PDB file of N, CA and C in Angstrom:
ATOM      1  N   MET A   1      46.934 114.135 -42.606  1.00  0.00           N
ATOM      2  CA  MET A   1      46.263 114.356 -41.312  1.00  0.00           C
ATOM      3  C   MET A   1      46.573 115.873 -40.772  1.00  0.00           C
ATOM      4  N   SER A   2      45.604 116.535 -40.591  1.00  0.00           N
ATOM      5  CA  SER A   2      45.874 117.890 -40.055  1.00  0.00           C
ATOM      6  C   SER A   2      45.971 117.926 -38.611  1.00  0.00           C
ATOM      7  N   PRO A   3      46.818 118.893 -38.132  1.00  0.00           N
ATOM      8  CA  PRO A   3      47.008 118.925 -36.685  1.00  0.00           C
ATOM      9  C   PRO A   3      45.616 119.441 -35.974  1.00  0.00           C
ATOM     10  N   ARG A   4      45.467 119.031 -34.678  1.00  0.00           N
ATOM     11  CA  ARG A   4      44.447 119.484 -34.039  1.00  0.00           C
ATOM     12  C   ARG A   4      44.569 121.027 -33.751  1.00  0.00           C
ATOM     13  N   PRO A   5      43.349 121.683 -33.663  1.00  0.00           N
ATOM     14  CA  PRO A   5      43.381 123.206 -33.545  1.00  0.00           C
ATOM     15  C   PRO A   5      43.988 123.455 -32.085  1.00  0.00           C
ATOM     16  N   ARG A   6      44.696 124.576 -32.055  1.00  0.00           N
ATOM     17  CA  ARG A   6      45.336 125.136 -30.877  1.00  0.00           C
ATOM     18  C   ARG A   6      44.397 125.108 -29.662  1.00  0.00           C
ATOM     19  N   GLN A   7      43.269 125.751 -29.967  1.00  0.00           N
ATOM     20  CA  GLN A   7      42.249 125.851 -28.807  1.00  0.00           C
ATOM     21  C   GLN A   7      41.719 124.516 -28.322  1.00  0.00           C
ATOM     22  N   ASP A   8      41.660 123.500 -29.167  1.00  0.00           N
ATOM     23  CA  ASP A   8      41.190 122.252 -28.656  1.00  0.00           C
ATOM     24  C   ASP A   8      42.357 121.634 -27.707  1.00  0.00           C
ATOM     25  N   VAL A   9      43.609 121.744 -28.146  1.00  0.00           N
ATOM     26  CA  VAL A   9      44.608 121.153 -27.283  1.00  0.00           C
ATOM     27  C   VAL A   9      44.674 121.922 -25.993  1.00  0.00           C
ATOM     28  N   LEU A  10      44.577 123.245 -25.977  1.00  0.00           N
ATOM     29  CA  LEU A  10      44.651 123.958 -24.714  1.00  0.00           C
ATOM     30  C   LEU A  10      43.512 123.736 -23.829  1.00  0.00           C
ATOM     31  N   ALA A  11      42.275 123.517 -24.473  1.00  0.00           N
ATOM     32  CA  ALA A  11      41.037 123.221 -23.713  1.00  0.00           C
ATOM     33  C   ALA A  11      41.189 121.840 -22.994  1.00  0.00           C
ATOM     34  N   ASN A  12      41.750 120.869 -23.801  1.00  0.00           N
ATOM     35  CA  ASN A  12      41.919 119.475 -23.117  1.00  0.00           C
ATOM     36  C   ASN A  12      42.880 119.659 -21.911  1.00  0.00           C
ATOM     37  N   LEU A  13      43.912 120.400 -22.132  1.00  0.00           N
ATOM     38  CA  LEU A  13      44.870 120.606 -20.869  1.00  0.00           C
ATOM     39  C   LEU A  13      44.203 121.292 -19.793  1.00  0.00           C
ATOM     40  N   GLU A  14      43.411 122.270 -20.007  1.00  0.00           N
ATOM     41  CA  GLU A  14      42.653 122.888 -18.892  1.00  0.00           C
ATOM     42  C   GLU A  14      41.723 122.014 -18.265  1.00  0.00           C
ATOM     43  N   THR A  15      40.985 121.126 -18.934  1.00  0.00           N
ATOM     44  CA  THR A  15      40.077 120.155 -18.505  1.00  0.00           C
ATOM     45  C   THR A  15      40.846 119.153 -17.532  1.00  0.00           C
ATOM     46  N   ILE A  16      41.913 118.688 -17.970  1.00  0.00           N
ATOM     47  CA  ILE A  16      42.642 117.687 -17.258  1.00  0.00           C
ATOM     48  C   ILE A  16      43.021 118.359 -15.907  1.00  0.00           C
ATOM     49  N   TYR A  17      43.610 119.463 -15.918  1.00  0.00           N
ATOM     50  CA  TYR A  17      44.079 120.172 -14.740  1.00  0.00           C
ATOM     51  C   TYR A  17      42.954 120.673 -13.864  1.00  0.00           C
ATOM     52  N   ARG A  18      41.923 121.068 -14.438  1.00  0.00           N
ATOM     53  CA  ARG A  18      40.687 121.522 -13.721  1.00  0.00           C
ATOM     54  C   ARG A  18      40.140 120.470 -12.865  1.00  0.00           C
ATOM     55  N   ASP A  19      40.060 119.293 -13.448  1.00  0.00           N
ATOM     56  CA  ASP A  19      39.425 118.160 -12.730  1.00  0.00           C
ATOM     57  C   ASP A  19      40.385 117.868 -11.467  1.00  0.00           C
ATOM     58  N   ALA A  20      41.610 117.707 -11.659  1.00  0.00           N
ATOM     59  CA  ALA A  20      42.631 117.473 -10.532  1.00  0.00           C
ATOM     60  C   ALA A  20      42.605 118.610  -9.587  1.00  0.00           C
ATOM     61  N   TYR A  21      42.440 119.900 -10.080  1.00  0.00           N
ATOM     62  CA  TYR A  21      42.482 121.014  -9.108  1.00  0.00           C
ATOM     63  C   TYR A  21      41.135 120.902  -8.156  1.00  0.00           C
ATOM     64  N   ASP A  22      40.027 120.634  -8.881  1.00  0.00           N
ATOM     65  CA  ASP A  22      38.752 120.544  -8.170  1.00  0.00           C
ATOM     66  C   ASP A  22      38.823 119.450  -7.052  1.00  0.00           C
ATOM     67  N   ARG A  23      39.500 118.327  -7.372  1.00  0.00           N
ATOM     68  CA  ARG A  23      39.605 117.255  -6.353  1.00  0.00           C
ATOM     69  C   ARG A  23      40.497 117.780  -5.192  1.00  0.00           C
ATOM     70  N   ALA A  24      41.612 118.410  -5.534  1.00  0.00           N
ATOM     71  CA  ALA A  24      42.441 119.008  -4.508  1.00  0.00           C
ATOM     72  C   ALA A  24      41.694 120.017  -3.622  1.00  0.00           C
ATOM     73  N   THR A  25      40.855 120.817  -4.246  1.00  0.00           N
ATOM     74  CA  THR A  25      40.102 121.822  -3.564  1.00  0.00           C
ATOM     75  C   THR A  25      39.189 121.182  -2.560  1.00  0.00           C
ATOM     76  N   LYS A  26      38.404 120.073  -3.007  1.00  0.00           N
ATOM     77  CA  LYS A  26      37.491 119.438  -2.171  1.00  0.00           C
ATOM     78  C   LYS A  26      38.199 118.703  -1.014  1.00  0.00           C
ATOM     79  N   ALA A  27      39.420 118.284  -1.224  1.00  0.00           N
ATOM     80  CA  ALA A  27      40.120 117.663  -0.213  1.00  0.00           C
ATOM     81  C   ALA A  27      40.876 118.606   0.788  1.00  0.00           C
ATOM     82  N   GLY A  28      40.783 119.917   0.389  1.00  0.00           N
ATOM     83  CA  GLY A  28      41.494 120.918   1.160  1.00  0.00           C
ATOM     84  C   GLY A  28      42.980 120.923   1.156  1.00  0.00           C
ATOM     85  N   ASP A  29      43.561 120.338   0.053  1.00  0.00           N
ATOM     86  CA  ASP A  29      44.981 120.102  -0.154  1.00  0.00           C
ATOM     87  C   ASP A  29      45.664 121.283  -0.784  1.00  0.00           C
ATOM     88  N   LYS A  30      45.882 122.279  -0.084  1.00  0.00           N
ATOM     89  CA  LYS A  30      46.488 123.574  -0.561  1.00  0.00           C
ATOM     90  C   LYS A  30      47.763 123.456  -1.237  1.00  0.00           C
ATOM     91  N   GLU A  31      48.561 122.533  -0.794  1.00  0.00           N
ATOM     92  CA  GLU A  31      49.960 122.221  -1.318  1.00  0.00           C
ATOM     93  C   GLU A  31      49.699 121.683  -2.757  1.00  0.00           C
ATOM     94  N   ARG A  32      48.805 120.658  -2.851  1.00  0.00           N
ATOM     95  CA  ARG A  32      48.474 120.088  -4.281  1.00  0.00           C
ATOM     96  C   ARG A  32      47.937 121.209  -5.200  1.00  0.00           C
ATOM     97  N   MET A  33      47.025 122.029  -4.656  1.00  0.00           N
ATOM     98  CA  MET A  33      46.475 123.079  -5.512  1.00  0.00           C
ATOM     99  C   MET A  33      47.550 123.959  -6.075  1.00  0.00           C
ATOM    100  N   ALA A  34      48.542 124.337  -5.261  1.00  0.00           N
ATOM    101  CA  ALA A  34      49.639 125.142  -5.661  1.00  0.00           C
ATOM    102  C   ALA A  34      50.503 124.520  -6.767  1.00  0.00           C
ATOM    103  N   GLN A  35      50.741 123.181  -6.501  1.00  0.00           N
ATOM    104  CA  GLN A  35      51.589 122.334  -7.365  1.00  0.00           C
ATOM    105  C   GLN A  35      50.793 122.277  -8.768  1.00  0.00           C
ATOM    106  N   LEU A  36      49.587 121.984  -8.840  1.00  0.00           N
ATOM    107  CA  LEU A  36      48.744 121.946  -9.927  1.00  0.00           C
ATOM    108  C   LEU A  36      48.704 123.177 -10.807  1.00  0.00           C
ATOM    109  N   ASP A  37      48.536 124.410 -10.015  1.00  0.00           N
ATOM    110  CA  ASP A  37      48.604 125.596 -10.610  1.00  0.00           C
ATOM    111  C   ASP A  37      49.882 125.876 -11.383  1.00  0.00           C
ATOM    112  N   TRP A  38      51.040 125.634 -10.642  1.00  0.00           N
ATOM    113  CA  TRP A  38      52.354 125.843 -11.239  1.00  0.00           C
ATOM    114  C   TRP A  38      52.532 124.863 -12.528  1.00  0.00           C
ATOM    115  N   SER A  39      52.145 123.597 -12.319  1.00  0.00           N
ATOM    116  CA  SER A  39      52.385 122.687 -13.372  1.00  0.00           C
ATOM    117  C   SER A  39      51.491 122.998 -14.596  1.00  0.00           C
ATOM    118  N   TYR A  40      50.214 123.445 -14.357  1.00  0.00           N
ATOM    119  CA  TYR A  40      49.395 123.834 -15.390  1.00  0.00           C
ATOM    120  C   TYR A  40      50.043 124.977 -16.259  1.00  0.00           C
ATOM    121  N   GLN A  41      50.589 125.955 -15.618  1.00  0.00           N
ATOM    122  CA  GLN A  41      51.244 127.117 -16.314  1.00  0.00           C
ATOM    123  C   GLN A  41      52.366 126.648 -17.114  1.00  0.00           C
ATOM    124  N   ARG A  42      53.228 125.777 -16.522  1.00  0.00           N
ATOM    125  CA  ARG A  42      54.400 125.238 -17.183  1.00  0.00           C
ATOM    126  C   ARG A  42      53.996 124.446 -18.413  1.00  0.00           C
ATOM    127  N   GLU A  43      53.016 123.457 -18.338  1.00  0.00           N
ATOM    128  CA  GLU A  43      52.492 122.711 -19.425  1.00  0.00           C
ATOM    129  C   GLU A  43      51.943 123.513 -20.465  1.00  0.00           C
ATOM    130  N   GLN A  44      51.162 124.482 -20.134  1.00  0.00           N
ATOM    131  CA  GLN A  44      50.622 125.431 -21.051  1.00  0.00           C
ATOM    132  C   GLN A  44      51.670 126.110 -22.000  1.00  0.00           C
ATOM    133  N   LEU A  45      52.721 126.624 -21.253  1.00  0.00           N
ATOM    134  CA  LEU A  45      53.793 127.185 -22.016  1.00  0.00           C
ATOM    135  C   LEU A  45      54.476 126.324 -22.932  1.00  0.00           C
ATOM    136  N   ILE A  46      54.734 125.073 -22.495  1.00  0.00           N
ATOM    137  CA  ILE A  46      55.396 124.073 -23.294  1.00  0.00           C
ATOM    138  C   ILE A  46      54.587 123.768 -24.485  1.00  0.00           C
ATOM    139  N   LEU A  47      53.281 123.540 -24.287  1.00  0.00           N
ATOM    140  CA  LEU A  47      52.376 123.298 -25.500  1.00  0.00           C
ATOM    141  C   LEU A  47      52.340 124.445 -26.428  1.00  0.00           C
ATOM    142  N   GLU A  48      52.267 125.654 -25.890  1.00  0.00           N
ATOM    143  CA  GLU A  48      52.225 126.753 -26.892  1.00  0.00           C
ATOM    144  C   GLU A  48      53.537 126.833 -27.705  1.00  0.00           C
ATOM    145  N   VAL A  49      54.694 126.611 -27.094  1.00  0.00           N
ATOM    146  CA  VAL A  49      55.941 126.687 -27.789  1.00  0.00           C
ATOM    147  C   VAL A  49      55.925 125.473 -28.904  1.00  0.00           C
ATOM    148  N   LEU A  50      55.500 124.396 -28.451  1.00  0.00           N
ATOM    149  CA  LEU A  50      55.427 123.201 -29.428  1.00  0.00           C
ATOM    150  C   LEU A  50      54.451 123.424 -30.619  1.00  0.00           C
ATOM    151  N   MET A  51      53.343 124.085 -30.229  1.00  0.00           N
ATOM    152  CA  MET A  51      52.373 124.388 -31.387  1.00  0.00           C
ATOM    153  C   MET A  51      53.012 125.466 -32.329  1.00  0.00           C
ATOM    154  N   ASP A  52      53.714 126.466 -31.678  1.00  0.00           N
ATOM    155  CA  ASP A  52      54.430 127.430 -32.513  1.00  0.00           C
ATOM    156  C   ASP A  52      55.372 126.728 -33.465  1.00  0.00           C
ATOM    157  N   VAL A  53      56.103 125.785 -32.941  1.00  0.00           N
ATOM    158  CA  VAL A  53      57.059 125.162 -33.849  1.00  0.00           C
ATOM    159  C   VAL A  53      56.274 124.282 -34.917  1.00  0.00           C
ATOM    160  N   ARG A  54      55.252 123.655 -34.434  1.00  0.00           N
ATOM    161  CA  ARG A  54      54.393 122.826 -35.444  1.00  0.00           C
ATOM    162  C   ARG A  54      53.915 123.738 -36.594  1.00  0.00           C
ATOM    163  N   ASP A  55      53.409 124.888 -36.143  1.00  0.00           N
ATOM    164  CA  ASP A  55      52.893 125.920 -37.116  1.00  0.00           C
ATOM    165  C   ASP A  55      53.957 126.360 -38.070  1.00  0.00           C
ATOM    166  N   ALA A  56      55.148 126.615 -37.551  1.00  0.00           N
ATOM    167  CA  ALA A  56      56.284 127.119 -38.362  1.00  0.00           C
ATOM    168  C   ALA A  56      56.729 126.080 -39.319  1.00  0.00           C
ATOM    169  N   LEU A  57      56.826 124.824 -38.764  1.00  0.00           N
ATOM    170  CA  LEU A  57      57.142 123.699 -39.794  1.00  0.00           C
ATOM    171  C   LEU A  57      56.093 123.455 -40.843  1.00  0.00           C
ATOM    172  N   GLY A  58      54.894 123.600 -40.433  1.00  0.00           N
ATOM    173  CA  GLY A  58      53.860 123.610 -41.388  1.00  0.00           C
ATOM    174  C   GLY A  58      53.896 124.530 -42.512  1.00  0.00           C
ATOM    175  N   ALA A  59      54.304 125.816 -42.007  1.00  0.00           N
ATOM    176  CA  ALA A  59      54.525 126.912 -43.039  1.00  0.00           C
ATOM    177  C   ALA A  59      55.580 126.694 -44.007  1.00  0.00           C
ATOM    178  N   ILE A  60      56.725 125.951 -43.458  1.00  0.00           N
ATOM    179  CA  ILE A  60      57.742 125.646 -44.296  1.00  0.00           C
ATOM    180  C   ILE A  60      57.325 124.671 -45.289  1.00  0.00           C
ATOM    181  N   GLY A  61      56.624 123.715 -45.014  1.00  0.00           N
ATOM    182  CA  GLY A  61      56.122 122.677 -45.828  1.00  0.00           C
ATOM    183  C   GLY A  61      55.195 123.311 -46.888  1.00  0.00           C
ATOM    184  N   ASP A  62      54.330 124.193 -46.570  1.00  0.00           N
ATOM    185  CA  ASP A  62      53.352 124.866 -47.395  1.00  0.00           C
ATOM    186  C   ASP A  62      54.086 125.679 -48.532  1.00  0.00           C
ATOM    187  N   THR A  63      55.298 126.378 -48.239  1.00  0.00           N
ATOM    188  CA  THR A  63      55.901 127.228 -49.118  1.00  0.00           C
ATOM    189  C   THR A  63      57.117 126.408 -49.744  1.00  0.00           C
ATOM    190  N   ALA A  64      57.356 125.209 -49.318  1.00  0.00           N
ATOM    191  CA  ALA A  64      58.640 124.695 -49.775  1.00  0.00           C
ATOM    192  C   ALA A  64      58.366 123.658 -50.899  1.00  0.00           C
ATOM    193  N   SER A  65      57.216 123.547 -51.508  1.00  0.00           N
ATOM    194  CA  SER A  65      57.130 122.613 -52.398  1.00  0.00           C
ATOM    195  C   SER A  65      57.930 122.786 -53.784  1.00  0.00           C
ATOM    196  N   SER A  66      58.394 123.968 -54.005  1.00  0.00           N
ATOM    197  CA  SER A  66      59.281 124.112 -55.097  1.00  0.00           C
ATOM    198  C   SER A  66      60.784 124.131 -54.636  1.00  0.00           C
ATOM    199  N   LYS A  67      61.071 124.089 -53.449  1.00  0.00           N
ATOM    200  CA  LYS A  67      62.430 124.126 -52.937  1.00  0.00           C
ATOM    201  C   LYS A  67      63.098 122.758 -52.955  1.00  0.00           C
ATOM    202  N   SER A  68      64.420 122.782 -53.160  1.00  0.00           N
ATOM    203  CA  SER A  68      65.116 121.574 -53.071  1.00  0.00           C
ATOM    204  C   SER A  68      65.147 121.066 -51.534  1.00  0.00           C
ATOM    205  N   ALA A  69      65.655 119.784 -51.466  1.00  0.00           N
ATOM    206  CA  ALA A  69      65.720 119.297 -49.999  1.00  0.00           C
ATOM    207  C   ALA A  69      66.792 120.088 -49.263  1.00  0.00           C
ATOM    208  N   LEU A  70      67.805 120.391 -49.977  1.00  0.00           N
ATOM    209  CA  LEU A  70      68.832 121.306 -49.205  1.00  0.00           C
ATOM    210  C   LEU A  70      68.317 122.692 -48.805  1.00  0.00           C
ATOM    211  N   GLU A  71      67.490 123.174 -49.576  1.00  0.00           N
ATOM    212  CA  GLU A  71      66.910 124.484 -49.297  1.00  0.00           C
ATOM    213  C   GLU A  71      65.958 124.374 -48.103  1.00  0.00           C
ATOM    214  N   LYS A  72      65.227 123.257 -48.054  1.00  0.00           N
ATOM    215  CA  LYS A  72      64.283 123.054 -47.049  1.00  0.00           C
ATOM    216  C   LYS A  72      65.044 122.781 -45.792  1.00  0.00           C
ATOM    217  N   LEU A  73      66.104 122.007 -45.734  1.00  0.00           N
ATOM    218  CA  LEU A  73      66.938 121.814 -44.537  1.00  0.00           C
ATOM    219  C   LEU A  73      67.537 123.154 -44.063  1.00  0.00           C
ATOM    220  N   GLU A  74      67.935 123.965 -44.984  1.00  0.00           N
ATOM    221  CA  GLU A  74      68.537 125.264 -44.680  1.00  0.00           C
ATOM    222  C   GLU A  74      67.500 126.194 -43.918  1.00  0.00           C
ATOM    223  N   THR A  75      66.352 126.134 -44.421  1.00  0.00           N
ATOM    224  CA  THR A  75      65.152 126.842 -43.810  1.00  0.00           C
ATOM    225  C   THR A  75      64.908 126.336 -42.402  1.00  0.00           C
ATOM    226  N   LEU A  76      64.983 125.046 -42.236  1.00  0.00           N
ATOM    227  CA  LEU A  76      64.783 124.444 -40.902  1.00  0.00           C
ATOM    228  C   LEU A  76      65.883 124.768 -39.984  1.00  0.00           C
ATOM    229  N   ARG A  77      67.162 124.785 -40.480  1.00  0.00           N
ATOM    230  CA  ARG A  77      68.228 125.147 -39.650  1.00  0.00           C
ATOM    231  C   ARG A  77      68.162 126.586 -39.248  1.00  0.00           C
ATOM    232  N   LYS A  78      67.693 127.477 -40.032  1.00  0.00           N
ATOM    233  CA  LYS A  78      67.579 128.880 -39.621  1.00  0.00           C
ATOM    234  C   LYS A  78      66.552 129.011 -38.603  1.00  0.00           C
ATOM    235  N   LEU A  79      65.396 128.255 -38.734  1.00  0.00           N
ATOM    236  CA  LEU A  79      64.280 128.220 -37.867  1.00  0.00           C
ATOM    237  C   LEU A  79      64.750 127.876 -36.400  1.00  0.00           C
ATOM    238  N   THR A  80      65.534 126.826 -36.339  1.00  0.00           N
ATOM    239  CA  THR A  80      65.944 126.246 -35.046  1.00  0.00           C
ATOM    240  C   THR A  80      67.214 126.826 -34.486  1.00  0.00           C
ATOM    241  N   LYS A  81      67.850 127.721 -35.192  1.00  0.00           N
ATOM    242  CA  LYS A  81      69.153 128.237 -34.779  1.00  0.00           C
ATOM    243  C   LYS A  81      69.055 128.990 -33.415  1.00  0.00           C
ATOM    244  N   LEU A  82      69.878 128.731 -32.436  1.00  0.00           N
ATOM    245  CA  LEU A  82      69.929 129.489 -31.212  1.00  0.00           C
ATOM    246  C   LEU A  82      70.462 130.969 -31.430  1.00  0.00           C
ATOM    247  N   ARG A  83      69.718 131.820 -30.841  1.00  0.00           N
ATOM    248  CA  ARG A  83      70.165 133.166 -30.974  1.00  0.00           C
ATOM    249  C   ARG A  83      70.949 133.654 -29.676  1.00  0.00           C
TER     250      ARG A  83
END
């Protein structure tokens, strides 16, 4: 199963927040609008990071077919190592 394209994921996120934001706008709820704006930005950032990790792990899988299990684990450890 191939992962969903990045743009599709981000477009779905935008649709969800846009609908909620439009409802808050119609209700004149400025506090809710600000909250939704902040939440959208946070969720977008989280999704982008997760998709970057997904892409990196996919790249490891693509190039790792000839590597041993230990080499694959070492590559993953290097990828996730805190700097």
